[in-house]
Protein backbone atom coordinates (compact mmCIF):
# COMPACT_ATOMS: atom_id res chain seq x y z
CA MET A 1 -0.30 -0.20 0.00
CA SER A 2 1.34 3.26 -0.55
CA LYS A 3 1.39 6.64 1.69
CA PRO A 4 -1.59 9.31 0.69
CA ASN A 5 -0.16 12.01 -0.71
CA GLU A 6 -0.37 15.60 1.03
CA ASN A 7 -2.38 17.56 -1.57
CA ASP A 8 -5.02 14.61 -1.99
CA HIS A 9 -7.09 16.13 0.61
CA GLN A 10 -6.81 19.94 0.00
CA THR A 11 -8.28 22.41 1.99
CA ASN A 12 -9.65 25.77 1.07
CA ASN A 13 -9.20 28.52 3.54
CA GLN A 14 -11.55 27.53 5.74
CA GLY A 15 -10.35 24.08 6.60
CA ASP A 16 -13.19 22.00 4.93
CA PRO A 17 -11.68 19.85 1.98
CA GLY A 18 -15.27 20.54 0.43
CA GLY A 19 -15.61 24.31 0.89
CA ASN A 20 -19.34 23.81 2.53
CA LYS A 21 -18.68 23.91 6.15
CA PRO A 22 -17.05 26.83 7.99
CA PRO A 23 -14.29 25.97 10.75
CA SER A 24 -15.95 24.75 14.06
CA ASN A 25 -14.59 27.96 15.68
CA GLN A 26 -16.72 30.03 13.64
CA LEU A 27 -19.87 28.58 14.15
CA PRO A 28 -22.55 30.29 16.13
CA THR A 29 -23.05 28.67 19.82
CA VAL A 30 -26.11 27.05 20.85
CA GLU A 31 -26.90 29.91 23.30
CA GLU A 32 -26.25 32.15 19.75
CA HIS A 33 -28.72 29.77 17.80
CA ALA A 34 -31.60 29.95 20.79
CA ARG A 35 -31.28 33.66 21.06
CA ASN A 36 -31.55 34.38 17.30
CA LEU A 37 -34.24 32.07 16.67
CA LYS A 38 -36.14 33.06 20.04
CA VAL A 39 -36.08 29.82 21.39
CA ASP A 40 -37.78 29.74 24.71
CA ALA A 41 -35.69 28.69 28.01
CA PRO A 42 -37.36 25.67 28.96
CA VAL A 43 -37.16 24.16 25.56
CA PHE A 44 -33.81 25.40 24.69
CA ALA A 45 -32.69 23.28 28.15
CA ALA A 46 -34.69 20.47 27.20
CA VAL A 47 -32.85 20.28 23.37
CA MET A 48 -29.53 20.68 25.25
CA GLN A 49 -30.40 17.74 27.87
CA SER A 50 -31.94 15.34 25.07
CA LYS A 51 -29.09 16.10 22.34
CA ASN A 52 -26.12 16.18 25.61
CA TRP A 53 -24.72 19.54 24.23
CA ALA A 54 -22.57 21.41 26.65
CA SER A 55 -22.88 25.33 27.19
CA GLY A 56 -20.92 26.85 24.28
CA LYS A 57 -21.11 23.95 21.67
CA ARG A 58 -20.65 25.00 18.39
CA VAL A 59 -22.98 23.61 15.85
CA PRO A 60 -24.32 24.64 12.63
CA VAL A 61 -27.84 26.27 12.46
CA ALA A 62 -29.51 23.59 10.33
CA ALA A 63 -28.38 20.98 13.32
CA PHE A 64 -29.48 23.03 15.91
CA GLU A 65 -32.99 23.83 14.10
CA LYS A 66 -33.24 20.18 13.19
CA ALA A 67 -32.54 19.51 17.10
CA VAL A 68 -35.17 21.91 18.30
CA LYS A 69 -37.65 20.82 15.59
CA ASP A 70 -37.22 17.01 16.47
CA PHE A 71 -37.76 17.60 20.22
CA LEU A 72 -41.23 19.64 19.71
CA GLY A 73 -42.41 16.92 17.50
CA ALA A 74 -41.41 14.20 19.96
CA SER A 75 -44.40 12.20 21.54
CA MET A 76 -44.53 12.80 25.27
CA GLY A 77 -42.91 9.56 27.69
CA GLY A 78 -40.65 9.05 24.46
CA ALA A 79 -43.49 6.45 23.20
């Protein structure tokens, strides 16, 4: 087996080989998403708990929106 060439997976200036995502340190925090999307505090706390996310976690807005939508659409009692 040959060793992979360093140039096989070139990255753009944002650190993503595909150029589709900013580096994680440029993503907004979950708290910023909650504030920007006006997510109520109890819903935000429940989403954080259900996703096992720590304060300050940085995620893409689509991932945060999906987590909130999934939580709000979940049945009561987990059934």
